[in-house]
Amino acid sequence: MESRLLANLAHEIEPEYGSGFSVRTLEQCRQFYRTYPIANALRSQLNGYPYRKSGWKF
């Protein structure tokens, strides 16, 4: 059911927003969210990483 949902979603938004919203990309986004469900958790894991030195912000 989830794959059909993502396929329908990709079918609706990909023509308007481009290939960045393909089924594969949406699946990868879902997997990322499942791995890092809280944005602050990712931020704390990367705290002090080279991104911080470069001025890159979340």
PDB file of N, CA and C in Angstrom:
ATOM      1  N   MET A   1       0.821  -1.201   0.000  1.00  0.00           N
ATOM      2  CA  MET A   1       0.000   0.000   0.000  1.00  0.00           C
ATOM      3  C   MET A   1       0.862   1.260   0.000  1.00  0.00           C
ATOM      4  N   GLU A   2       1.941   1.248   0.789  1.00  0.00           N
ATOM      5  CA  GLU A   2       2.796   2.438   0.853  1.00  0.00           C
ATOM      6  C   GLU A   2       3.434   2.742  -0.494  1.00  0.00           C
ATOM      7  N   SER A   3       3.874   1.706  -1.207  1.00  0.00           N
ATOM      8  CA  SER A   3       4.517   1.960  -2.500  1.00  0.00           C
ATOM      9  C   SER A   3       3.517   2.522  -3.511  1.00  0.00           C
ATOM     10  N   ARG A   4       2.265   2.076  -3.417  1.00  0.00           N
ATOM     11  CA  ARG A   4       1.240   2.613  -4.319  1.00  0.00           C
ATOM     12  C   ARG A   4       0.949   4.074  -3.966  1.00  0.00           C
ATOM     13  N   LEU A   5       0.956   4.379  -2.685  1.00  0.00           N
ATOM     14  CA  LEU A   5       0.743   5.752  -2.243  1.00  0.00           C
ATOM     15  C   LEU A   5       1.855   6.657  -2.774  1.00  0.00           C
ATOM     16  N   LEU A   6       3.097   6.207  -2.648  1.00  0.00           N
ATOM     17  CA  LEU A   6       4.220   7.004  -3.149  1.00  0.00           C
ATOM     18  C   LEU A   6       4.178   7.124  -4.669  1.00  0.00           C
ATOM     19  N   ALA A   7       3.770   6.056  -5.350  1.00  0.00           N
ATOM     20  CA  ALA A   7       3.666   6.113  -6.811  1.00  0.00           C
ATOM     21  C   ALA A   7       2.612   7.131  -7.239  1.00  0.00           C
ATOM     22  N   ASN A   8       1.486   7.140  -6.550  1.00  0.00           N
ATOM     23  CA  ASN A   8       0.437   8.121  -6.863  1.00  0.00           C
ATOM     24  C   ASN A   8       0.900   9.543  -6.564  1.00  0.00           C
ATOM     25  N   LEU A   9       1.573   9.707  -5.433  1.00  0.00           N
ATOM     26  CA  LEU A   9       2.075  11.031  -5.065  1.00  0.00           C
ATOM     27  C   LEU A   9       3.093  11.520  -6.090  1.00  0.00           C
ATOM     28  N   ALA A  10       4.030  10.656  -6.467  1.00  0.00           N
ATOM     29  CA  ALA A  10       5.037  11.030  -7.464  1.00  0.00           C
ATOM     30  C   ALA A  10       4.377  11.364  -8.798  1.00  0.00           C
ATOM     31  N   HIS A  11       3.385  10.588  -9.169  1.00  0.00           N
ATOM     32  CA  HIS A  11       2.683  10.822 -10.432  1.00  0.00           C
ATOM     33  C   HIS A  11       2.012  12.198 -10.444  1.00  0.00           C
ATOM     34  N   GLU A  12       1.520  12.633  -9.285  1.00  0.00           N
ATOM     35  CA  GLU A  12       0.846  13.934  -9.209  1.00  0.00           C
ATOM     36  C   GLU A  12       1.808  15.109  -9.158  1.00  0.00           C
ATOM     37  N   ILE A  13       2.899  14.985  -8.402  1.00  0.00           N
ATOM     38  CA  ILE A  13       3.754  16.162  -8.198  1.00  0.00           C
ATOM     39  C   ILE A  13       4.970  16.220  -9.106  1.00  0.00           C
ATOM     40  N   GLU A  14       5.415  15.099  -9.659  1.00  0.00           N
ATOM     41  CA  GLU A  14       6.608  15.124 -10.495  1.00  0.00           C
ATOM     42  C   GLU A  14       6.459  16.000 -11.739  1.00  0.00           C
ATOM     43  N   PRO A  15       5.330  15.986 -12.441  1.00  0.00           N
ATOM     44  CA  PRO A  15       5.211  16.867 -13.615  1.00  0.00           C
ATOM     45  C   PRO A  15       5.362  18.352 -13.275  1.00  0.00           C
ATOM     46  N   GLU A  16       4.907  18.738 -12.098  1.00  0.00           N
ATOM     47  CA  GLU A  16       4.971  20.153 -11.725  1.00  0.00           C
ATOM     48  C   GLU A  16       6.321  20.543 -11.125  1.00  0.00           C
ATOM     49  N   TYR A  17       6.899  19.647 -10.318  1.00  0.00           N
ATOM     50  CA  TYR A  17       8.119  19.991  -9.585  1.00  0.00           C
ATOM     51  C   TYR A  17       9.384  19.337 -10.125  1.00  0.00           C
ATOM     52  N   GLY A  18       9.278  18.427 -11.074  1.00  0.00           N
ATOM     53  CA  GLY A  18      10.459  17.848 -11.701  1.00  0.00           C
ATOM     54  C   GLY A  18      10.855  16.489 -11.157  1.00  0.00           C
ATOM     55  N   SER A  19      11.963  15.988 -11.672  1.00  0.00           N
ATOM     56  CA  SER A  19      12.394  14.622 -11.369  1.00  0.00           C
ATOM     57  C   SER A  19      12.847  14.441  -9.922  1.00  0.00           C
ATOM     58  N   GLY A  20      12.993  15.489  -9.186  1.00  0.00           N
ATOM     59  CA  GLY A  20      13.374  15.379  -7.778  1.00  0.00           C
ATOM     60  C   GLY A  20      12.291  14.759  -6.918  1.00  0.00           C
ATOM     61  N   PHE A  21      11.135  14.495  -7.501  1.00  0.00           N
ATOM     62  CA  PHE A  21      10.025  13.905  -6.755  1.00  0.00           C
ATOM     63  C   PHE A  21       9.589  12.583  -7.374  1.00  0.00           C
ATOM     64  N   SER A  22      10.548  11.812  -7.860  1.00  0.00           N
ATOM     65  CA  SER A  22      10.251  10.497  -8.414  1.00  0.00           C
ATOM     66  C   SER A  22       9.912   9.529  -7.280  1.00  0.00           C
ATOM     67  N   VAL A  23       9.395   8.379  -7.625  1.00  0.00           N
ATOM     68  CA  VAL A  23       9.061   7.370  -6.613  1.00  0.00           C
ATOM     69  C   VAL A  23      10.308   7.017  -5.805  1.00  0.00           C
ATOM     70  N   ARG A  24      11.421   6.812  -6.493  1.00  0.00           N
ATOM     71  CA  ARG A  24      12.666   6.444  -5.795  1.00  0.00           C
ATOM     72  C   ARG A  24      13.094   7.526  -4.809  1.00  0.00           C
ATOM     73  N   THR A  25      13.028   8.771  -5.222  1.00  0.00           N
ATOM     74  CA  THR A  25      13.414   9.871  -4.334  1.00  0.00           C
ATOM     75  C   THR A  25      12.493   9.947  -3.127  1.00  0.00           C
ATOM     76  N   LEU A  26      11.192   9.795  -3.341  1.00  0.00           N
ATOM     77  CA  LEU A  26      10.252   9.811  -2.219  1.00  0.00           C
ATOM     78  C   LEU A  26      10.501   8.646  -1.266  1.00  0.00           C
ATOM     79  N   GLU A  27      10.858   7.479  -1.816  1.00  0.00           N
ATOM     80  CA  GLU A  27      11.194   6.334  -0.960  1.00  0.00           C
ATOM     81  C   GLU A  27      12.432   6.632  -0.124  1.00  0.00           C
ATOM     82  N   GLN A  28      13.423   7.291  -0.730  1.00  0.00           N
ATOM     83  CA  GLN A  28      14.631   7.651  -0.002  1.00  0.00           C
ATOM     84  C   GLN A  28      14.335   8.685   1.084  1.00  0.00           C
ATOM     85  N   CYS A  29      13.455   9.628   0.800  1.00  0.00           N
ATOM     86  CA  CYS A  29      13.049  10.613   1.808  1.00  0.00           C
ATOM     87  C   CYS A  29      12.359   9.926   2.976  1.00  0.00           C
ATOM     88  N   ARG A  30      11.494   8.976   2.665  1.00  0.00           N
ATOM     89  CA  ARG A  30      10.785   8.243   3.715  1.00  0.00           C
ATOM     90  C   ARG A  30      11.782   7.457   4.567  1.00  0.00           C
ATOM     91  N   GLN A  31      12.760   6.817   3.920  1.00  0.00           N
ATOM     92  CA  GLN A  31      13.766   6.056   4.666  1.00  0.00           C
ATOM     93  C   GLN A  31      14.603   6.978   5.550  1.00  0.00           C
ATOM     94  N   PHE A  32      14.959   8.155   5.029  1.00  0.00           N
ATOM     95  CA  PHE A  32      15.717   9.123   5.826  1.00  0.00           C
ATOM     96  C   PHE A  32      14.917   9.542   7.052  1.00  0.00           C
ATOM     97  N   TYR A  33      13.624   9.823   6.858  1.00  0.00           N
ATOM     98  CA  TYR A  33      12.781  10.227   7.973  1.00  0.00           C
ATOM     99  C   TYR A  33      12.693   9.118   9.012  1.00  0.00           C
ATOM    100  N   ARG A  34      12.584   7.887   8.555  1.00  0.00           N
ATOM    101  CA  ARG A  34      12.497   6.759   9.495  1.00  0.00           C
ATOM    102  C   ARG A  34      13.805   6.571  10.264  1.00  0.00           C
ATOM    103  N   THR A  35      14.912   6.900   9.622  1.00  0.00           N
ATOM    104  CA  THR A  35      16.209   6.776  10.287  1.00  0.00           C
ATOM    105  C   THR A  35      16.443   7.929  11.253  1.00  0.00           C
ATOM    106  N   TYR A  36      16.054   9.137  10.868  1.00  0.00           N
ATOM    107  CA  TYR A  36      16.243  10.345  11.673  1.00  0.00           C
ATOM    108  C   TYR A  36      14.892  11.041  11.852  1.00  0.00           C
ATOM    109  N   PRO A  37      14.014  10.487  12.689  1.00  0.00           N
ATOM    110  CA  PRO A  37      12.658  11.042  12.792  1.00  0.00           C
ATOM    111  C   PRO A  37      12.578  12.428  13.434  1.00  0.00           C
ATOM    112  N   ILE A  38      13.582  12.824  14.182  1.00  0.00           N
ATOM    113  CA  ILE A  38      13.557  14.127  14.845  1.00  0.00           C
ATOM    114  C   ILE A  38      14.692  14.970  14.285  1.00  0.00           C
ATOM    115  N   ALA A  39      14.358  16.114  13.725  1.00  0.00           N
ATOM    116  CA  ALA A  39      15.365  16.973  13.093  1.00  0.00           C
ATOM    117  C   ALA A  39      16.470  17.348  14.077  1.00  0.00           C
ATOM    118  N   ASN A  40      16.130  17.595  15.322  1.00  0.00           N
ATOM    119  CA  ASN A  40      17.136  17.973  16.310  1.00  0.00           C
ATOM    120  C   ASN A  40      18.120  16.848  16.577  1.00  0.00           C
ATOM    121  N   ALA A  41      17.676  15.595  16.416  1.00  0.00           N
ATOM    122  CA  ALA A  41      18.580  14.465  16.621  1.00  0.00           C
ATOM    123  C   ALA A  41      19.678  14.487  15.568  1.00  0.00           C
ATOM    124  N   LEU A  42      19.333  14.742  14.322  1.00  0.00           N
ATOM    125  CA  LEU A  42      20.325  14.834  13.263  1.00  0.00           C
ATOM    126  C   LEU A  42      21.247  16.018  13.518  1.00  0.00           C
ATOM    127  N   ARG A  43      20.688  17.121  13.909  1.00  0.00           N
ATOM    128  CA  ARG A  43      21.495  18.317  14.179  1.00  0.00           C
ATOM    129  C   ARG A  43      22.516  18.038  15.274  1.00  0.00           C
ATOM    130  N   SER A  44      22.111  17.340  16.350  1.00  0.00           N
ATOM    131  CA  SER A  44      23.035  17.069  17.438  1.00  0.00           C
ATOM    132  C   SER A  44      24.104  16.066  17.021  1.00  0.00           C
ATOM    133  N   GLN A  45      23.768  15.139  16.110  1.00  0.00           N
ATOM    134  CA  GLN A  45      24.758  14.177  15.636  1.00  0.00           C
ATOM    135  C   GLN A  45      25.814  14.861  14.778  1.00  0.00           C
ATOM    136  N   LEU A  46      25.444  15.913  14.072  1.00  0.00           N
ATOM    137  CA  LEU A  46      26.379  16.609  13.202  1.00  0.00           C
ATOM    138  C   LEU A  46      27.040  17.808  13.869  1.00  0.00           C
ATOM    139  N   ASN A  47      26.691  18.072  15.112  1.00  0.00           N
ATOM    140  CA  ASN A  47      27.257  19.204  15.830  1.00  0.00           C
ATOM    141  C   ASN A  47      28.783  19.048  15.912  1.00  0.00           C
ATOM    142  N   GLY A  48      29.507  20.035  15.452  1.00  0.00           N
ATOM    143  CA  GLY A  48      30.956  19.977  15.471  1.00  0.00           C
ATOM    144  C   GLY A  48      31.546  19.326  14.237  1.00  0.00           C
ATOM    145  N   TYR A  49      30.722  18.841  13.363  1.00  0.00           N
ATOM    146  CA  TYR A  49      31.174  18.236  12.120  1.00  0.00           C
ATOM    147  C   TYR A  49      31.635  19.353  11.181  1.00  0.00           C
ATOM    148  N   PRO A  50      32.354  19.052  10.115  1.00  0.00           N
ATOM    149  CA  PRO A  50      32.865  20.130   9.240  1.00  0.00           C
ATOM    150  C   PRO A  50      31.819  21.105   8.719  1.00  0.00           C
ATOM    151  N   TYR A  51      30.522  20.672   8.658  1.00  0.00           N
ATOM    152  CA  TYR A  51      29.485  21.605   8.225  1.00  0.00           C
ATOM    153  C   TYR A  51      29.451  22.837   9.118  1.00  0.00           C
ATOM    154  N   ARG A  52      29.663  22.621  10.386  1.00  0.00           N
ATOM    155  CA  ARG A  52      29.626  23.738  11.324  1.00  0.00           C
ATOM    156  C   ARG A  52      30.729  24.749  11.011  1.00  0.00           C
ATOM    157  N   LYS A  53      31.906  24.224  10.681  1.00  0.00           N
ATOM    158  CA  LYS A  53      33.049  25.096  10.378  1.00  0.00           C
ATOM    159  C   LYS A  53      32.838  25.894   9.096  1.00  0.00           C
ATOM    160  N   SER A  54      32.078  25.307   8.158  1.00  0.00           N
ATOM    161  CA  SER A  54      31.877  25.992   6.892  1.00  0.00           C
ATOM    162  C   SER A  54      30.763  27.023   6.962  1.00  0.00           C
ATOM    163  N   GLY A  55      30.038  27.068   8.077  1.00  0.00           N
ATOM    164  CA  GLY A  55      28.958  28.014   8.217  1.00  0.00           C
ATOM    165  C   GLY A  55      27.637  27.504   7.671  1.00  0.00           C
ATOM    166  N   TRP A  56      27.616  26.231   7.233  1.00  0.00           N
ATOM    167  CA  TRP A  56      26.391  25.644   6.701  1.00  0.00           C
ATOM    168  C   TRP A  56      25.416  25.447   7.823  1.00  0.00           C
ATOM    169  N   LYS A  57      24.162  25.862   7.644  1.00  0.00           N
ATOM    170  CA  LYS A  57      23.165  25.778   8.707  1.00  0.00           C
ATOM    171  C   LYS A  57      22.039  24.854   8.293  1.00  0.00           C
ATOM    172  N   PHE A  58      21.431  24.253   9.296  1.00  0.00           N
ATOM    173  CA  PHE A  58      20.281  23.374   9.076  1.00  0.00           C
ATOM    174  C   PHE A  58      19.011  24.160   9.149  1.00  0.00           C
TER     175      PHE A  58
END
